[in-house]
Amino acid sequence: MEVESAGIRTAIPISAEVREYLARENAERYLKKTPESLDGKKLDSYDLIVTMEERHKSIVSIKCQECEAKTVAWNIEDPYFLEHEDAERIYDQIKEKVRELAESLPKAKSGSTAKT
């Protein structure tokens, strides 16, 4: 299974708080050096697109009308500008949603790849 991430806007760098959280979770290997934009992605090639907020889902649908049916909004607030405690709560929500999503997906056969 292949997983990618991208943002609606990439003007802001990955926060130090996110880096610290991922380090504590032993997940630093998933951190990109710099954020990527949706503009560089072939959205129609993905099996599933997850957005943080409903407004992000709308933007994906504008960029790729055929992607609307395979796009889901988690309705999780963007933690970038939140206070530390609130941001930590959001990171935990994201972690739980990712876990739920991973458990809901069919197990990939050896050698097969799915983009999400």
PDB file of N, CA and C in Angstrom:
ATOM      1  N   MET A   1       0.847  -1.168   0.000  1.00  0.00           N
ATOM      2  CA  MET A   1       0.000   0.000   0.000  1.00  0.00           C
ATOM      3  C   MET A   1       0.895   1.233   0.000  1.00  0.00           C
ATOM      4  N   GLU A   2       0.510   2.196  -0.754  1.00  0.00           N
ATOM      5  CA  GLU A   2       1.262   3.437  -0.844  1.00  0.00           C
ATOM      6  C   GLU A   2       0.417   4.568  -0.280  1.00  0.00           C
ATOM      7  N   VAL A   3       1.004   5.376   0.571  1.00  0.00           N
ATOM      8  CA  VAL A   3       0.311   6.500   1.193  1.00  0.00           C
ATOM      9  C   VAL A   3       1.116   7.757   0.923  1.00  0.00           C
ATOM     10  N   GLU A   4       0.430   8.832   0.561  1.00  0.00           N
ATOM     11  CA  GLU A   4       1.076  10.117   0.327  1.00  0.00           C
ATOM     12  C   GLU A   4       0.313  11.209   1.067  1.00  0.00           C
ATOM     13  N   SER A   5       0.966  12.342   1.251  1.00  0.00           N
ATOM     14  CA  SER A   5       0.275  13.481   1.842  1.00  0.00           C
ATOM     15  C   SER A   5       0.637  14.740   1.078  1.00  0.00           C
ATOM     16  N   ALA A   6      -0.299  15.667   1.094  1.00  0.00           N
ATOM     17  CA  ALA A   6      -0.088  16.959   0.442  1.00  0.00           C
ATOM     18  C   ALA A   6      -1.062  17.946   1.065  1.00  0.00           C
ATOM     19  N   GLY A   7      -0.749  19.209   0.910  1.00  0.00           N
ATOM     20  CA  GLY A   7      -1.593  20.237   1.487  1.00  0.00           C
ATOM     21  C   GLY A   7      -2.244  21.112   0.443  1.00  0.00           C
ATOM     22  N   ILE A   8      -3.271  21.811   0.878  1.00  0.00           N
ATOM     23  CA  ILE A   8      -3.933  22.785   0.016  1.00  0.00           C
ATOM     24  C   ILE A   8      -2.966  23.929  -0.262  1.00  0.00           C
ATOM     25  N   ARG A   9      -2.286  24.351   0.784  1.00  0.00           N
ATOM     26  CA  ARG A   9      -1.243  25.387   0.682  1.00  0.00           C
ATOM     27  C   ARG A   9       0.028  24.844   1.317  1.00  0.00           C
ATOM     28  N   THR A  10       1.157  25.238   0.783  1.00  0.00           N
ATOM     29  CA  THR A  10       2.424  24.749   1.343  1.00  0.00           C
ATOM     30  C   THR A  10       3.350  25.890   1.736  1.00  0.00           C
ATOM     31  N   ALA A  11       2.785  27.045   2.009  1.00  0.00           N
ATOM     32  CA  ALA A  11       3.605  28.209   2.336  1.00  0.00           C
ATOM     33  C   ALA A  11       4.235  28.114   3.725  1.00  0.00           C
ATOM     34  N   ILE A  12       3.626  27.336   4.605  1.00  0.00           N
ATOM     35  CA  ILE A  12       4.151  27.260   5.964  1.00  0.00           C
ATOM     36  C   ILE A  12       4.945  25.963   6.129  1.00  0.00           C
ATOM     37  N   PRO A  13       6.056  26.040   6.853  1.00  0.00           N
ATOM     38  CA  PRO A  13       6.884  24.841   7.039  1.00  0.00           C
ATOM     39  C   PRO A  13       6.229  23.867   8.021  1.00  0.00           C
ATOM     40  N   ILE A  14       6.734  22.649   8.040  1.00  0.00           N
ATOM     41  CA  ILE A  14       6.274  21.654   9.010  1.00  0.00           C
ATOM     42  C   ILE A  14       6.702  22.140  10.388  1.00  0.00           C
ATOM     43  N   SER A  15       5.767  22.195  11.314  1.00  0.00           N
ATOM     44  CA  SER A  15       6.052  22.781  12.619  1.00  0.00           C
ATOM     45  C   SER A  15       6.972  21.900  13.460  1.00  0.00           C
ATOM     46  N   ALA A  16       7.712  22.555  14.345  1.00  0.00           N
ATOM     47  CA  ALA A  16       8.592  21.842  15.280  1.00  0.00           C
ATOM     48  C   ALA A  16       7.761  20.934  16.176  1.00  0.00           C
ATOM     49  N   GLU A  17       6.562  21.365  16.514  1.00  0.00           N
ATOM     50  CA  GLU A  17       5.673  20.576  17.363  1.00  0.00           C
ATOM     51  C   GLU A  17       5.303  19.246  16.700  1.00  0.00           C
ATOM     52  N   VAL A  18       5.031  19.278  15.398  1.00  0.00           N
ATOM     53  CA  VAL A  18       4.723  18.048  14.667  1.00  0.00           C
ATOM     54  C   VAL A  18       5.939  17.130  14.671  1.00  0.00           C
ATOM     55  N   ARG A  19       7.101  17.707  14.436  1.00  0.00           N
ATOM     56  CA  ARG A  19       8.337  16.909  14.451  1.00  0.00           C
ATOM     57  C   ARG A  19       8.526  16.232  15.806  1.00  0.00           C
ATOM     58  N   GLU A  20       8.292  16.967  16.881  1.00  0.00           N
ATOM     59  CA  GLU A  20       8.433  16.413  18.234  1.00  0.00           C
ATOM     60  C   GLU A  20       7.410  15.301  18.480  1.00  0.00           C
ATOM     61  N   TYR A  21       6.177  15.527  18.061  1.00  0.00           N
ATOM     62  CA  TYR A  21       5.134  14.515  18.255  1.00  0.00           C
ATOM     63  C   TYR A  21       5.504  13.226  17.520  1.00  0.00           C
ATOM     64  N   LEU A  22       5.906  13.352  16.267  1.00  0.00           N
ATOM     65  CA  LEU A  22       6.271  12.166  15.484  1.00  0.00           C
ATOM     66  C   LEU A  22       7.483  11.456  16.074  1.00  0.00           C
ATOM     67  N   ALA A  23       8.410  12.207  16.636  1.00  0.00           N
ATOM     68  CA  ALA A  23       9.566  11.590  17.295  1.00  0.00           C
ATOM     69  C   ALA A  23       9.104  10.770  18.498  1.00  0.00           C
ATOM     70  N   ARG A  24       8.210  11.318  19.297  1.00  0.00           N
ATOM     71  CA  ARG A  24       7.688  10.586  20.460  1.00  0.00           C
ATOM     72  C   ARG A  24       6.922   9.333  20.051  1.00  0.00           C
ATOM     73  N   GLU A  25       6.283   9.390  18.892  1.00  0.00           N
ATOM     74  CA  GLU A  25       5.495   8.265  18.393  1.00  0.00           C
ATOM     75  C   GLU A  25       6.351   7.291  17.565  1.00  0.00           C
ATOM     76  N   ASN A  26       7.638   7.568  17.483  1.00  0.00           N
ATOM     77  CA  ASN A  26       8.562   6.758  16.678  1.00  0.00           C
ATOM     78  C   ASN A  26       8.088   6.680  15.221  1.00  0.00           C
ATOM     79  N   ALA A  27       7.662   7.812  14.695  1.00  0.00           N
ATOM     80  CA  ALA A  27       7.109   7.874  13.344  1.00  0.00           C
ATOM     81  C   ALA A  27       7.808   8.920  12.486  1.00  0.00           C
ATOM     82  N   GLU A  28       9.017   9.270  12.835  1.00  0.00           N
ATOM     83  CA  GLU A  28       9.742  10.302  12.088  1.00  0.00           C
ATOM     84  C   GLU A  28       9.973   9.920  10.627  1.00  0.00           C
ATOM     85  N   ARG A  29      10.008   8.632  10.349  1.00  0.00           N
ATOM     86  CA  ARG A  29      10.271   8.182   8.977  1.00  0.00           C
ATOM     87  C   ARG A  29       9.169   8.629   8.015  1.00  0.00           C
ATOM     88  N   TYR A  30       8.003   8.990   8.538  1.00  0.00           N
ATOM     89  CA  TYR A  30       6.902   9.439   7.683  1.00  0.00           C
ATOM     90  C   TYR A  30       6.925  10.945   7.416  1.00  0.00           C
ATOM     91  N   LEU A  31       7.837  11.635   8.050  1.00  0.00           N
ATOM     92  CA  LEU A  31       7.904  13.091   7.921  1.00  0.00           C
ATOM     93  C   LEU A  31       8.677  13.494   6.674  1.00  0.00           C
ATOM     94  N   LYS A  32       8.087  14.371   5.898  1.00  0.00           N
ATOM     95  CA  LYS A  32       8.749  14.893   4.698  1.00  0.00           C
ATOM     96  C   LYS A  32       9.669  16.040   5.084  1.00  0.00           C
ATOM     97  N   LYS A  33      10.658  16.280   4.256  1.00  0.00           N
ATOM     98  CA  LYS A  33      11.561  17.415   4.503  1.00  0.00           C
ATOM     99  C   LYS A  33      10.825  18.737   4.317  1.00  0.00           C
ATOM    100  N   THR A  34       9.978  18.790   3.306  1.00  0.00           N
ATOM    101  CA  THR A  34       9.182  19.987   3.044  1.00  0.00           C
ATOM    102  C   THR A  34       7.758  19.566   2.665  1.00  0.00           C
ATOM    103  N   PRO A  35       6.776  20.408   2.966  1.00  0.00           N
ATOM    104  CA  PRO A  35       5.395  20.089   2.594  1.00  0.00           C
ATOM    105  C   PRO A  35       5.237  20.037   1.071  1.00  0.00           C
ATOM    106  N   GLU A  36       4.292  19.240   0.612  1.00  0.00           N
ATOM    107  CA  GLU A  36       3.976  19.149  -0.815  1.00  0.00           C
ATOM    108  C   GLU A  36       2.569  19.678  -1.051  1.00  0.00           C
ATOM    109  N   SER A  37       2.347  20.180  -2.255  1.00  0.00           N
ATOM    110  CA  SER A  37       1.057  20.743  -2.632  1.00  0.00           C
ATOM    111  C   SER A  37       0.223  19.733  -3.416  1.00  0.00           C
ATOM    112  N   LEU A  38      -1.086  19.867  -3.310  1.00  0.00           N
ATOM    113  CA  LEU A  38      -1.991  19.060  -4.129  1.00  0.00           C
ATOM    114  C   LEU A  38      -1.788  19.322  -5.613  1.00  0.00           C
ATOM    115  N   ASP A  39      -1.332  20.512  -5.936  1.00  0.00           N
ATOM    116  CA  ASP A  39      -1.185  20.888  -7.344  1.00  0.00           C
ATOM    117  C   ASP A  39      -0.247  19.958  -8.104  1.00  0.00           C
ATOM    118  N   GLY A  40       0.699  19.338  -7.416  1.00  0.00           N
ATOM    119  CA  GLY A  40       1.639  18.441  -8.077  1.00  0.00           C
ATOM    120  C   GLY A  40       1.201  16.991  -8.083  1.00  0.00           C
ATOM    121  N   LYS A  41      -0.002  16.712  -7.627  1.00  0.00           N
ATOM    122  CA  LYS A  41      -0.489  15.336  -7.500  1.00  0.00           C
ATOM    123  C   LYS A  41      -1.511  15.014  -8.592  1.00  0.00           C
ATOM    124  N   LYS A  42      -1.493  13.763  -9.055  1.00  0.00           N
ATOM    125  CA  LYS A  42      -2.509  13.272  -9.997  1.00  0.00           C
ATOM    126  C   LYS A  42      -3.644  12.679  -9.159  1.00  0.00           C
ATOM    127  N   LEU A  43      -4.532  13.538  -8.717  1.00  0.00           N
ATOM    128  CA  LEU A  43      -5.578  13.150  -7.773  1.00  0.00           C
ATOM    129  C   LEU A  43      -6.452  12.007  -8.287  1.00  0.00           C
ATOM    130  N   ASP A  44      -6.693  11.962  -9.580  1.00  0.00           N
ATOM    131  CA  ASP A  44      -7.559  10.916 -10.118  1.00  0.00           C
ATOM    132  C   ASP A  44      -6.929   9.524 -10.038  1.00  0.00           C
ATOM    133  N   SER A  45      -5.641   9.438  -9.736  1.00  0.00           N
ATOM    134  CA  SER A  45      -4.979   8.137  -9.647  1.00  0.00           C
ATOM    135  C   SER A  45      -5.106   7.494  -8.264  1.00  0.00           C
ATOM    136  N   TYR A  46      -5.642   8.215  -7.295  1.00  0.00           N
ATOM    137  CA  TYR A  46      -5.756   7.691  -5.935  1.00  0.00           C
ATOM    138  C   TYR A  46      -7.059   6.918  -5.743  1.00  0.00           C
ATOM    139  N   ASP A  47      -6.985   5.879  -4.905  1.00  0.00           N
ATOM    140  CA  ASP A  47      -8.170   5.104  -4.552  1.00  0.00           C
ATOM    141  C   ASP A  47      -9.006   5.809  -3.497  1.00  0.00           C
ATOM    142  N   LEU A  48      -8.341   6.550  -2.624  1.00  0.00           N
ATOM    143  CA  LEU A  48      -8.996   7.241  -1.522  1.00  0.00           C
ATOM    144  C   LEU A  48      -8.240   8.525  -1.226  1.00  0.00           C
ATOM    145  N   ILE A  49      -8.984   9.591  -0.990  1.00  0.00           N
ATOM    146  CA  ILE A  49      -8.387  10.871  -0.607  1.00  0.00           C
ATOM    147  C   ILE A  49      -9.032  11.283   0.707  1.00  0.00           C
ATOM    148  N   VAL A  50      -8.217  11.544   1.708  1.00  0.00           N
ATOM    149  CA  VAL A  50      -8.700  11.967   3.019  1.00  0.00           C
ATOM    150  C   VAL A  50      -8.311  13.421   3.221  1.00  0.00           C
ATOM    151  N   THR A  51      -9.273  14.231   3.642  1.00  0.00           N
ATOM    152  CA  THR A  51      -8.989  15.621   3.953  1.00  0.00           C
ATOM    153  C   THR A  51      -9.256  15.861   5.439  1.00  0.00           C
ATOM    154  N   MET A  52      -8.600  16.870   5.972  1.00  0.00           N
ATOM    155  CA  MET A  52      -8.794  17.205   7.382  1.00  0.00           C
ATOM    156  C   MET A  52     -10.159  17.865   7.594  1.00  0.00           C
ATOM    157  N   GLU A  53     -10.518  18.778   6.709  1.00  0.00           N
ATOM    158  CA  GLU A  53     -11.727  19.571   6.890  1.00  0.00           C
ATOM    159  C   GLU A  53     -12.610  19.499   5.646  1.00  0.00           C
ATOM    160  N   GLU A  54     -13.892  19.778   5.833  1.00  0.00           N
ATOM    161  CA  GLU A  54     -14.861  19.753   4.734  1.00  0.00           C
ATOM    162  C   GLU A  54     -14.475  20.747   3.632  1.00  0.00           C
ATOM    163  N   ARG A  55     -13.951  21.905   4.031  1.00  0.00           N
ATOM    164  CA  ARG A  55     -13.557  22.899   3.012  1.00  0.00           C
ATOM    165  C   ARG A  55     -12.409  22.377   2.159  1.00  0.00           C
ATOM    166  N   HIS A  56     -11.549  21.529   2.728  1.00  0.00           N
ATOM    167  CA  HIS A  56     -10.465  20.919   1.958  1.00  0.00           C
ATOM    168  C   HIS A  56     -11.039  19.929   0.940  1.00  0.00           C
ATOM    169  N   LYS A  57     -12.081  19.204   1.356  1.00  0.00           N
ATOM    170  CA  LYS A  57     -12.738  18.268   0.445  1.00  0.00           C
ATOM    171  C   LYS A  57     -13.321  19.026  -0.748  1.00  0.00           C
ATOM    172  N   SER A  58     -13.887  20.190  -0.480  1.00  0.00           N
ATOM    173  CA  SER A  58     -14.444  21.007  -1.561  1.00  0.00           C
ATOM    174  C   SER A  58     -13.359  21.434  -2.542  1.00  0.00           C
ATOM    175  N   ILE A  59     -12.202  21.779  -2.029  1.00  0.00           N
ATOM    176  CA  ILE A  59     -11.088  22.192  -2.895  1.00  0.00           C
ATOM    177  C   ILE A  59     -10.622  21.020  -3.747  1.00  0.00           C
ATOM    178  N   VAL A  60     -10.542  19.826  -3.149  1.00  0.00           N
ATOM    179  CA  VAL A  60     -10.167  18.632  -3.917  1.00  0.00           C
ATOM    180  C   VAL A  60     -11.182  18.409  -5.035  1.00  0.00           C
ATOM    181  N   SER A  61     -12.463  18.556  -4.725  1.00  0.00           N
ATOM    182  CA  SER A  61     -13.513  18.347  -5.726  1.00  0.00           C
ATOM    183  C   SER A  61     -13.434  19.358  -6.860  1.00  0.00           C
ATOM    184  N   ILE A  62     -13.028  20.568  -6.561  1.00  0.00           N
ATOM    185  CA  ILE A  62     -12.856  21.579  -7.610  1.00  0.00           C
ATOM    186  C   ILE A  62     -11.681  21.207  -8.508  1.00  0.00           C
ATOM    187  N   LYS A  63     -10.599  20.730  -7.915  1.00  0.00           N
ATOM    188  CA  LYS A  63      -9.406  20.347  -8.680  1.00  0.00           C
ATOM    189  C   LYS A  63      -9.622  19.059  -9.468  1.00  0.00           C
ATOM    190  N   CYS A  64     -10.493  18.184  -8.949  1.00  0.00           N
ATOM    191  CA  CYS A  64     -10.711  16.872  -9.565  1.00  0.00           C
ATOM    192  C   CYS A  64     -12.159  16.454  -9.330  1.00  0.00           C
ATOM    193  N   GLN A  65     -13.045  16.816 -10.245  1.00  0.00           N
ATOM    194  CA  GLN A  65     -14.471  16.529 -10.062  1.00  0.00           C
ATOM    195  C   GLN A  65     -14.748  15.042  -9.906  1.00  0.00           C
ATOM    196  N   GLU A  66     -14.002  14.200 -10.622  1.00  0.00           N
ATOM    197  CA  GLU A  66     -14.235  12.754 -10.528  1.00  0.00           C
ATOM    198  C   GLU A  66     -13.727  12.167  -9.206  1.00  0.00           C
ATOM    199  N   CYS A  67     -13.072  12.987  -8.386  1.00  0.00           N
ATOM    200  CA  CYS A  67     -12.551  12.517  -7.100  1.00  0.00           C
ATOM    201  C   CYS A  67     -13.550  12.681  -5.953  1.00  0.00           C
ATOM    202  N   GLU A  68     -14.652  13.352  -6.193  1.00  0.00           N
ATOM    203  CA  GLU A  68     -15.590  13.649  -5.107  1.00  0.00           C
ATOM    204  C   GLU A  68     -16.068  12.391  -4.385  1.00  0.00           C
ATOM    205  N   ALA A  69     -16.374  11.344  -5.118  1.00  0.00           N
ATOM    206  CA  ALA A  69     -16.904  10.115  -4.504  1.00  0.00           C
ATOM    207  C   ALA A  69     -15.859   9.359  -3.690  1.00  0.00           C
ATOM    208  N   LYS A  70     -14.600   9.601  -3.969  1.00  0.00           N
ATOM    209  CA  LYS A  70     -13.555   8.880  -3.230  1.00  0.00           C
ATOM    210  C   LYS A  70     -12.803   9.785  -2.250  1.00  0.00           C
ATOM    211  N   THR A  71     -13.427  10.898  -1.909  1.00  0.00           N
ATOM    212  CA  THR A  71     -12.827  11.833  -0.959  1.00  0.00           C
ATOM    213  C   THR A  71     -13.678  11.879   0.304  1.00  0.00           C
ATOM    214  N   VAL A  72     -13.016  11.772   1.442  1.00  0.00           N
ATOM    215  CA  VAL A  72     -13.707  11.804   2.728  1.00  0.00           C
ATOM    216  C   VAL A  72     -13.061  12.880   3.604  1.00  0.00           C
ATOM    217  N   ALA A  73     -13.885  13.638   4.302  1.00  0.00           N
ATOM    218  CA  ALA A  73     -13.389  14.662   5.233  1.00  0.00           C
ATOM    219  C   ALA A  73     -13.504  14.124   6.653  1.00  0.00           C
ATOM    220  N   TRP A  74     -12.413  14.199   7.389  1.00  0.00           N
ATOM    221  CA  TRP A  74     -12.405  13.732   8.777  1.00  0.00           C
ATOM    222  C   TRP A  74     -12.948  14.785   9.741  1.00  0.00           C
ATOM    223  N   ASN A  75     -13.104  16.011   9.283  1.00  0.00           N
ATOM    224  CA  ASN A  75     -13.596  17.105  10.135  1.00  0.00           C
ATOM    225  C   ASN A  75     -12.761  17.265  11.397  1.00  0.00           C
ATOM    226  N   ILE A  76     -11.462  17.350  11.165  1.00  0.00           N
ATOM    227  CA  ILE A  76     -10.495  17.580  12.232  1.00  0.00           C
ATOM    228  C   ILE A  76      -9.847  18.934  11.975  1.00  0.00           C
ATOM    229  N   GLU A  77      -9.835  19.759  12.980  1.00  0.00           N
ATOM    230  CA  GLU A  77      -9.266  21.100  12.875  1.00  0.00           C
ATOM    231  C   GLU A  77      -7.771  21.041  12.564  1.00  0.00           C
ATOM    232  N   ASP A  78      -7.303  21.966  11.747  1.00  0.00           N
ATOM    233  CA  ASP A  78      -5.878  22.064  11.458  1.00  0.00           C
ATOM    234  C   ASP A  78      -5.166  22.546  12.720  1.00  0.00           C
ATOM    235  N   PRO A  79      -4.204  21.791  13.232  1.00  0.00           N
ATOM    236  CA  PRO A  79      -3.571  22.133  14.506  1.00  0.00           C
ATOM    237  C   PRO A  79      -2.441  23.151  14.406  1.00  0.00           C
ATOM    238  N   TYR A  80      -2.113  23.615  13.215  1.00  0.00           N
ATOM    239  CA  TYR A  80      -0.892  24.408  13.022  1.00  0.00           C
ATOM    240  C   TYR A  80      -0.816  25.627  13.938  1.00  0.00           C
ATOM    241  N   PHE A  81      -1.900  26.354  14.106  1.00  0.00           N
ATOM    242  CA  PHE A  81      -1.855  27.589  14.886  1.00  0.00           C
ATOM    243  C   PHE A  81      -2.434  27.443  16.297  1.00  0.00           C
ATOM    244  N   LEU A  82      -2.653  26.220  16.734  1.00  0.00           N
ATOM    245  CA  LEU A  82      -3.244  25.991  18.052  1.00  0.00           C
ATOM    246  C   LEU A  82      -2.188  25.970  19.153  1.00  0.00           C
ATOM    247  N   GLU A  83      -2.649  26.182  20.376  1.00  0.00           N
ATOM    248  CA  GLU A  83      -1.787  26.046  21.543  1.00  0.00           C
ATOM    249  C   GLU A  83      -1.355  24.590  21.670  1.00  0.00           C
ATOM    250  N   HIS A  84      -0.253  24.361  22.383  1.00  0.00           N
ATOM    251  CA  HIS A  84       0.352  23.040  22.475  1.00  0.00           C
ATOM    252  C   HIS A  84      -0.641  21.950  22.896  1.00  0.00           C
ATOM    253  N   GLU A  85      -1.399  22.171  23.962  1.00  0.00           N
ATOM    254  CA  GLU A  85      -2.319  21.154  24.467  1.00  0.00           C
ATOM    255  C   GLU A  85      -3.406  20.830  23.443  1.00  0.00           C
ATOM    256  N   ASP A  86      -3.930  21.854  22.795  1.00  0.00           N
ATOM    257  CA  ASP A  86      -4.964  21.638  21.789  1.00  0.00           C
ATOM    258  C   ASP A  86      -4.395  20.920  20.566  1.00  0.00           C
ATOM    259  N   ALA A  87      -3.193  21.288  20.178  1.00  0.00           N
ATOM    260  CA  ALA A  87      -2.547  20.632  19.044  1.00  0.00           C
ATOM    261  C   ALA A  87      -2.304  19.157  19.345  1.00  0.00           C
ATOM    262  N   GLU A  88      -1.865  18.851  20.551  1.00  0.00           N
ATOM    263  CA  GLU A  88      -1.636  17.454  20.956  1.00  0.00           C
ATOM    264  C   GLU A  88      -2.935  16.647  20.846  1.00  0.00           C
ATOM    265  N   ARG A  89      -4.043  17.233  21.248  1.00  0.00           N
ATOM    266  CA  ARG A  89      -5.346  16.569  21.160  1.00  0.00           C
ATOM    267  C   ARG A  89      -5.680  16.264  19.689  1.00  0.00           C
ATOM    268  N   ILE A  90      -5.399  17.215  18.822  1.00  0.00           N
ATOM    269  CA  ILE A  90      -5.658  17.029  17.386  1.00  0.00           C
ATOM    270  C   ILE A  90      -4.758  15.935  16.824  1.00  0.00           C
ATOM    271  N   TYR A  91      -3.474  15.941  17.189  1.00  0.00           N
ATOM    272  CA  TYR A  91      -2.552  14.889  16.714  1.00  0.00           C
ATOM    273  C   TYR A  91      -3.059  13.518  17.127  1.00  0.00           C
ATOM    274  N   ASP A  92      -3.568  13.413  18.349  1.00  0.00           N
ATOM    275  CA  ASP A  92      -4.103  12.134  18.817  1.00  0.00           C
ATOM    276  C   ASP A  92      -5.353  11.736  18.023  1.00  0.00           C
ATOM    277  N   GLN A  93      -6.178  12.721  17.668  1.00  0.00           N
ATOM    278  CA  GLN A  93      -7.355  12.432  16.841  1.00  0.00           C
ATOM    279  C   GLN A  93      -6.930  11.915  15.472  1.00  0.00           C
ATOM    280  N   ILE A  94      -5.928  12.554  14.893  1.00  0.00           N
ATOM    281  CA  ILE A  94      -5.427  12.126  13.584  1.00  0.00           C
ATOM    282  C   ILE A  94      -4.878  10.705  13.686  1.00  0.00           C
ATOM    283  N   LYS A  95      -4.104  10.447  14.711  1.00  0.00           N
ATOM    284  CA  LYS A  95      -3.530   9.114  14.909  1.00  0.00           C
ATOM    285  C   LYS A  95      -4.639   8.068  14.990  1.00  0.00           C
ATOM    286  N   GLU A  96      -5.702   8.348  15.730  1.00  0.00           N
ATOM    287  CA  GLU A  96      -6.804   7.407  15.871  1.00  0.00           C
ATOM    288  C   GLU A  96      -7.524   7.197  14.540  1.00  0.00           C
ATOM    289  N   LYS A  97      -7.746   8.263  13.793  1.00  0.00           N
ATOM    290  CA  LYS A  97      -8.407   8.148  12.494  1.00  0.00           C
ATOM    291  C   LYS A  97      -7.569   7.321  11.521  1.00  0.00           C
ATOM    292  N   VAL A  98      -6.260   7.528  11.534  1.00  0.00           N
ATOM    293  CA  VAL A  98      -5.373   6.748  10.662  1.00  0.00           C
ATOM    294  C   VAL A  98      -5.448   5.271  11.052  1.00  0.00           C
ATOM    295  N   ARG A  99      -5.440   4.991  12.355  1.00  0.00           N
ATOM    296  CA  ARG A  99      -5.534   3.608  12.821  1.00  0.00           C
ATOM    297  C   ARG A  99      -6.846   2.977  12.355  1.00  0.00           C
ATOM    298  N   GLU A 100      -7.950   3.694  12.520  1.00  0.00           N
ATOM    299  CA  GLU A 100      -9.257   3.191  12.085  1.00  0.00           C
ATOM    300  C   GLU A 100      -9.273   2.936  10.578  1.00  0.00           C
ATOM    301  N   LEU A 101      -8.713   3.861   9.820  1.00  0.00           N
ATOM    302  CA  LEU A 101      -8.670   3.704   8.371  1.00  0.00           C
ATOM    303  C   LEU A 101      -7.838   2.482   7.987  1.00  0.00           C
ATOM    304  N   ALA A 102      -6.672   2.340   8.587  1.00  0.00           N
ATOM    305  CA  ALA A 102      -5.798   1.206   8.279  1.00  0.00           C
ATOM    306  C   ALA A 102      -6.503  -0.118   8.573  1.00  0.00           C
ATOM    307  N   GLU A 103      -7.225  -0.172   9.679  1.00  0.00           N
ATOM    308  CA  GLU A 103      -7.933  -1.399  10.048  1.00  0.00           C
ATOM    309  C   GLU A 103      -9.109  -1.686   9.118  1.00  0.00           C
ATOM    310  N   SER A 104      -9.667  -0.656   8.497  1.00  0.00           N
ATOM    311  CA  SER A 104     -10.831  -0.838   7.629  1.00  0.00           C
ATOM    312  C   SER A 104     -10.457  -1.238   6.207  1.00  0.00           C
ATOM    313  N   LEU A 105      -9.214  -1.038   5.825  1.00  0.00           N
ATOM    314  CA  LEU A 105      -8.790  -1.346   4.461  1.00  0.00           C
ATOM    315  C   LEU A 105      -8.515  -2.834   4.310  1.00  0.00           C
ATOM    316  N   PRO A 106      -8.824  -3.379   3.133  1.00  0.00           N
ATOM    317  CA  PRO A 106      -8.490  -4.783   2.906  1.00  0.00           C
ATOM    318  C   PRO A 106      -6.977  -4.960   2.929  1.00  0.00           C
ATOM    319  N   LYS A 107      -6.541  -6.084   3.418  1.00  0.00           N
ATOM    320  CA  LYS A 107      -5.114  -6.372   3.476  1.00  0.00           C
ATOM    321  C   LYS A 107      -4.592  -6.524   2.053  1.00  0.00           C
ATOM    322  N   ALA A 108      -3.503  -5.806   1.731  1.00  0.00           N
ATOM    323  CA  ALA A 108      -2.909  -5.880   0.394  1.00  0.00           C
ATOM    324  C   ALA A 108      -2.155  -7.191   0.248  1.00  0.00           C
ATOM    325  N   LYS A 109      -2.268  -7.787  -0.915  1.00  0.00           N
ATOM    326  CA  LYS A 109      -1.512  -9.007  -1.213  1.00  0.00           C
ATOM    327  C   LYS A 109      -0.066  -8.632  -1.430  1.00  0.00           C
ATOM    328  N   SER A 110       0.807  -9.533  -1.167  1.00  0.00           N
ATOM    329  CA  SER A 110       2.231  -9.303  -1.351  1.00  0.00           C
ATOM    330  C   SER A 110       2.511  -8.862  -2.781  1.00  0.00           C
ATOM    331  N   GLY A 111       3.230  -7.765  -2.918  1.00  0.00           N
ATOM    332  CA  GLY A 111       3.606  -7.274  -4.232  1.00  0.00           C
ATOM    333  C   GLY A 111       2.613  -6.322  -4.857  1.00  0.00           C
ATOM    334  N   SER A 112       1.431  -6.163  -4.291  1.00  0.00           N
ATOM    335  CA  SER A 112       0.462  -5.233  -4.869  1.00  0.00           C
ATOM    336  C   SER A 112       0.575  -3.868  -4.215  1.00  0.00           C
ATOM    337  N   THR A 113       0.162  -2.847  -4.917  1.00  0.00           N
ATOM    338  CA  THR A 113       0.259  -1.492  -4.412  1.00  0.00           C
ATOM    339  C   THR A 113      -1.077  -0.782  -4.594  1.00  0.00           C
ATOM    340  N   ALA A 114      -1.474  -0.058  -3.586  1.00  0.00           N
ATOM    341  CA  ALA A 114      -2.680   0.765  -3.670  1.00  0.00           C
ATOM    342  C   ALA A 114      -2.318   2.170  -3.233  1.00  0.00           C
ATOM    343  N   LYS A 115      -2.779   3.155  -3.962  1.00  0.00           N
ATOM    344  CA  LYS A 115      -2.531   4.548  -3.580  1.00  0.00           C
ATOM    345  C   LYS A 115      -3.714   5.034  -2.788  1.00  0.00           C
ATOM    346  N   THR A 116      -3.414   5.706  -1.672  1.00  0.00           N
ATOM    347  CA  THR A 116      -4.478   6.304  -0.865  1.00  0.00           C
ATOM    348  C   THR A 116      -4.144   7.718  -0.547  1.00  0.00           C
TER     349      THR A 116
END
